[in-house]
Amino acid sequence: MSAVSAKPAKPKHHIGPYARPATLTHIDGRSKEARFKKTMRASLAAHVGNKPSAVQSALIELAIDTAFQIELMKRHRDASGALTAHDHRQFLAWANTLSRTLRQLGMEGAAESGPDLAEYLAEKAGA
């Protein structure tokens, strides 16, 4: 009786800096890539006051996608030990895009808002 060795499952899609856009839309929500995007989305939404406008939402999604590409390029660099000239130019283009996108979102975070009217009146009634 011979044992059949099971081959390790090959990933369906390779997620890398030059992955096709359709591949990047199939990211499992439990993966570190999805957690990266979720954390960045929450951070940028908090930066603009947790109620982004439609334009701010579009800029946030662009910033997330660009930052994700930069992260993938960093992983590629770490795995291969270096970047080619093409990789380096692409990395700089993404870094500049991210910088300009974040600048459009604003350097200053949303101002802390005070209590709303109901909270204020409840506080005064209790005092």
C-alpha atoms as a PDB file:
ATOM      1  CA  MET A   1       0.000   0.000   0.000  1.00  0.00           C
ATOM      2  CA  SER A   2       1.567   3.292  -1.070  1.00  0.00           C
ATOM      3  CA  ALA A   3       0.679   6.598   0.404  1.00  0.00           C
ATOM      4  CA  VAL A   4      -0.351   9.261  -2.044  1.00  0.00           C
ATOM      5  CA  SER A   5       1.374  12.494  -1.185  1.00  0.00           C
ATOM      6  CA  ALA A   6      -0.820  15.494  -1.497  1.00  0.00           C
ATOM      7  CA  LYS A   7       0.693  18.435  -3.310  1.00  0.00           C
ATOM      8  CA  PRO A   8       0.380  21.744  -1.535  1.00  0.00           C
ATOM      9  CA  ALA A   9      -2.371  23.852  -2.988  1.00  0.00           C
ATOM     10  CA  LYS A  10      -1.048  26.433  -5.392  1.00  0.00           C
ATOM     11  CA  PRO A  11      -2.501  29.889  -4.834  1.00  0.00           C
ATOM     12  CA  LYS A  12      -5.016  30.814  -7.501  1.00  0.00           C
ATOM     13  CA  HIS A  13      -3.770  34.360  -7.858  1.00  0.00           C
ATOM     14  CA  HIS A  14      -0.373  35.852  -7.202  1.00  0.00           C
ATOM     15  CA  ILE A  15      -0.632  39.075  -5.230  1.00  0.00           C
ATOM     16  CA  GLY A  16       2.365  41.195  -6.099  1.00  0.00           C
ATOM     17  CA  PRO A  17       3.256  44.713  -7.183  1.00  0.00           C
ATOM     18  CA  TYR A  18       2.359  43.997 -10.808  1.00  0.00           C
ATOM     19  CA  ALA A  19      -0.716  41.845 -10.173  1.00  0.00           C
ATOM     20  CA  ARG A  20      -3.664  42.410 -12.431  1.00  0.00           C
ATOM     21  CA  PRO A  21      -6.390  44.635 -10.966  1.00  0.00           C
ATOM     22  CA  ALA A  22      -8.883  41.749 -11.084  1.00  0.00           C
ATOM     23  CA  THR A  23      -6.548  39.711  -8.875  1.00  0.00           C
ATOM     24  CA  LEU A  24      -6.426  42.469  -6.283  1.00  0.00           C
ATOM     25  CA  THR A  25     -10.228  42.552  -6.057  1.00  0.00           C
ATOM     26  CA  HIS A  26     -10.285  38.895  -4.956  1.00  0.00           C
ATOM     27  CA  ILE A  27      -8.437  39.464  -1.690  1.00  0.00           C
ATOM     28  CA  ASP A  28      -9.790  37.332   1.137  1.00  0.00           C
ATOM     29  CA  GLY A  29     -11.091  39.515   3.964  1.00  0.00           C
ATOM     30  CA  ARG A  30      -9.064  37.528   6.502  1.00  0.00           C
ATOM     31  CA  SER A  31      -5.715  38.040   4.785  1.00  0.00           C
ATOM     32  CA  LYS A  32      -3.041  40.466   5.921  1.00  0.00           C
ATOM     33  CA  GLU A  33      -3.607  42.407   2.706  1.00  0.00           C
ATOM     34  CA  ALA A  34      -7.275  42.927   3.586  1.00  0.00           C
ATOM     35  CA  ARG A  35      -6.364  43.891   7.154  1.00  0.00           C
ATOM     36  CA  PHE A  36      -3.860  46.430   5.770  1.00  0.00           C
ATOM     37  CA  LYS A  37      -6.587  48.029   3.647  1.00  0.00           C
ATOM     38  CA  LYS A  38      -9.189  47.951   6.444  1.00  0.00           C
ATOM     39  CA  THR A  39      -6.815  49.554   8.949  1.00  0.00           C
ATOM     40  CA  MET A  40      -5.790  52.268   6.509  1.00  0.00           C
ATOM     41  CA  ARG A  41      -9.429  52.966   5.561  1.00  0.00           C
ATOM     42  CA  ALA A  42     -10.384  53.395   9.229  1.00  0.00           C
ATOM     43  CA  SER A  43      -7.355  55.591   9.890  1.00  0.00           C
ATOM     44  CA  LEU A  44      -8.014  57.908   6.944  1.00  0.00           C
ATOM     45  CA  ALA A  45     -11.746  58.085   7.708  1.00  0.00           C
ATOM     46  CA  ALA A  46     -10.907  59.104  11.273  1.00  0.00           C
ATOM     47  CA  HIS A  47      -8.494  61.705   9.886  1.00  0.00           C
ATOM     48  CA  VAL A  48     -11.334  63.420   8.032  1.00  0.00           C
ATOM     49  CA  GLY A  49     -13.776  63.165  10.919  1.00  0.00           C
ATOM     50  CA  ASN A  50     -15.340  59.696  10.360  1.00  0.00           C
ATOM     51  CA  LYS A  51     -17.872  61.152   7.929  1.00  0.00           C
ATOM     52  CA  PRO A  52     -16.023  61.498   4.619  1.00  0.00           C
ATOM     53  CA  SER A  53     -17.765  63.241   1.761  1.00  0.00           C
ATOM     54  CA  ALA A  54     -18.048  61.498  -1.595  1.00  0.00           C
ATOM     55  CA  VAL A  55     -14.874  63.215  -2.814  1.00  0.00           C
ATOM     56  CA  GLN A  56     -13.007  62.344   0.379  1.00  0.00           C
ATOM     57  CA  SER A  57     -14.166  58.715   0.078  1.00  0.00           C
ATOM     58  CA  ALA A  58     -12.820  58.540  -3.475  1.00  0.00           C
ATOM     59  CA  LEU A  59      -9.503  60.047  -2.356  1.00  0.00           C
ATOM     60  CA  ILE A  60      -9.340  57.604   0.563  1.00  0.00           C
ATOM     61  CA  GLU A  61      -9.865  54.630  -1.771  1.00  0.00           C
ATOM     62  CA  LEU A  62      -7.184  55.964  -4.147  1.00  0.00           C
ATOM     63  CA  ALA A  63      -4.783  56.422  -1.228  1.00  0.00           C
ATOM     64  CA  ILE A  64      -5.499  52.893   0.037  1.00  0.00           C
ATOM     65  CA  ASP A  65      -4.917  51.309  -3.374  1.00  0.00           C
ATOM     66  CA  THR A  66      -1.716  53.294  -3.903  1.00  0.00           C
ATOM     67  CA  ALA A  67      -0.382  52.550  -0.424  1.00  0.00           C
ATOM     68  CA  PHE A  68      -1.178  48.870  -0.998  1.00  0.00           C
ATOM     69  CA  GLN A  69       0.834  48.882  -4.237  1.00  0.00           C
ATOM     70  CA  ILE A  70       3.738  50.482  -2.353  1.00  0.00           C
ATOM     71  CA  GLU A  71       3.483  47.812   0.357  1.00  0.00           C
ATOM     72  CA  LEU A  72       3.517  45.060  -2.277  1.00  0.00           C
ATOM     73  CA  MET A  73       6.597  46.623  -3.884  1.00  0.00           C
ATOM     74  CA  LYS A  74       8.333  46.703  -0.498  1.00  0.00           C
ATOM     75  CA  ARG A  75       7.570  42.999  -0.036  1.00  0.00           C
ATOM     76  CA  HIS A  76       8.900  42.332  -3.535  1.00  0.00           C
ATOM     77  CA  ARG A  77      12.087  44.234  -2.671  1.00  0.00           C
ATOM     78  CA  ASP A  78      12.498  42.339   0.588  1.00  0.00           C
ATOM     79  CA  ALA A  79      11.982  38.985  -1.148  1.00  0.00           C
ATOM     80  CA  SER A  80      14.276  39.668  -4.107  1.00  0.00           C
ATOM     81  CA  GLY A  81      16.861  41.760  -2.269  1.00  0.00           C
ATOM     82  CA  ALA A  82      16.760  44.667  -4.709  1.00  0.00           C
ATOM     83  CA  LEU A  83      14.620  46.639  -7.097  1.00  0.00           C
ATOM     84  CA  THR A  84      15.203  46.903 -10.812  1.00  0.00           C
ATOM     85  CA  ALA A  85      15.356  50.347 -12.404  1.00  0.00           C
ATOM     86  CA  HIS A  86      11.773  49.850 -13.603  1.00  0.00           C
ATOM     87  CA  ASP A  87      10.647  48.806 -10.103  1.00  0.00           C
ATOM     88  CA  HIS A  88      12.337  51.855  -8.612  1.00  0.00           C
ATOM     89  CA  ARG A  89      10.650  54.262 -11.060  1.00  0.00           C
ATOM     90  CA  GLN A  90       7.269  52.608 -10.425  1.00  0.00           C
ATOM     91  CA  PHE A  91       7.807  52.817  -6.652  1.00  0.00           C
ATOM     92  CA  LEU A  92       8.590  56.540  -6.902  1.00  0.00           C
ATOM     93  CA  ALA A  93       5.531  57.150  -9.087  1.00  0.00           C
ATOM     94  CA  TRP A  94       3.280  55.412  -6.548  1.00  0.00           C
ATOM     95  CA  ALA A  95       4.935  57.278  -3.647  1.00  0.00           C
ATOM     96  CA  ASN A  96       4.351  60.621  -5.389  1.00  0.00           C
ATOM     97  CA  THR A  97       0.748  59.708  -6.162  1.00  0.00           C
ATOM     98  CA  LEU A  98       0.165  58.780  -2.527  1.00  0.00           C
ATOM     99  CA  SER A  99       1.764  62.013  -1.343  1.00  0.00           C
ATOM    100  CA  ARG A 100      -0.416  64.153  -3.623  1.00  0.00           C
ATOM    101  CA  THR A 101      -3.565  62.213  -2.698  1.00  0.00           C
ATOM    102  CA  LEU A 102      -2.935  62.573   1.026  1.00  0.00           C
ATOM    103  CA  ARG A 103      -2.210  66.283   0.558  1.00  0.00           C
ATOM    104  CA  GLN A 104      -5.645  66.660  -1.067  1.00  0.00           C
ATOM    105  CA  LEU A 105      -7.233  64.973   1.954  1.00  0.00           C
ATOM    106  CA  GLY A 106      -5.588  67.609   4.118  1.00  0.00           C
ATOM    107  CA  MET A 107      -2.586  67.759   6.367  1.00  0.00           C
ATOM    108  CA  GLU A 108      -4.631  68.745   9.383  1.00  0.00           C
ATOM    109  CA  GLY A 109      -7.005  66.214  10.852  1.00  0.00           C
ATOM    110  CA  ALA A 110     -10.631  66.988  11.478  1.00  0.00           C
ATOM    111  CA  ALA A 111     -11.206  69.293  14.411  1.00  0.00           C
ATOM    112  CA  GLU A 112     -12.445  67.668  17.582  1.00  0.00           C
ATOM    113  CA  SER A 113     -16.134  68.375  17.843  1.00  0.00           C
ATOM    114  CA  GLY A 114     -17.736  69.242  21.121  1.00  0.00           C
ATOM    115  CA  PRO A 115     -20.810  67.549  22.548  1.00  0.00           C
ATOM    116  CA  ASP A 116     -23.956  67.712  20.463  1.00  0.00           C
ATOM    117  CA  LEU A 117     -26.999  69.616  21.761  1.00  0.00           C
ATOM    118  CA  ALA A 118     -28.625  66.604  23.454  1.00  0.00           C
ATOM    119  CA  GLU A 119     -25.393  65.747  25.301  1.00  0.00           C
ATOM    120  CA  TYR A 120     -24.940  69.377  26.345  1.00  0.00           C
ATOM    121  CA  LEU A 121     -28.493  69.684  27.682  1.00  0.00           C
ATOM    122  CA  ALA A 122     -28.223  66.341  29.505  1.00  0.00           C
ATOM    123  CA  GLU A 123     -24.977  67.499  31.085  1.00  0.00           C
ATOM    124  CA  LYS A 124     -26.539  70.809  32.188  1.00  0.00           C
ATOM    125  CA  ALA A 125     -29.625  69.053  33.557  1.00  0.00           C
ATOM    126  CA  GLY A 126     -27.450  66.718  35.640  1.00  0.00           C
ATOM    127  CA  ALA A 127     -25.346  69.588  37.045  1.00  0.00           C
END
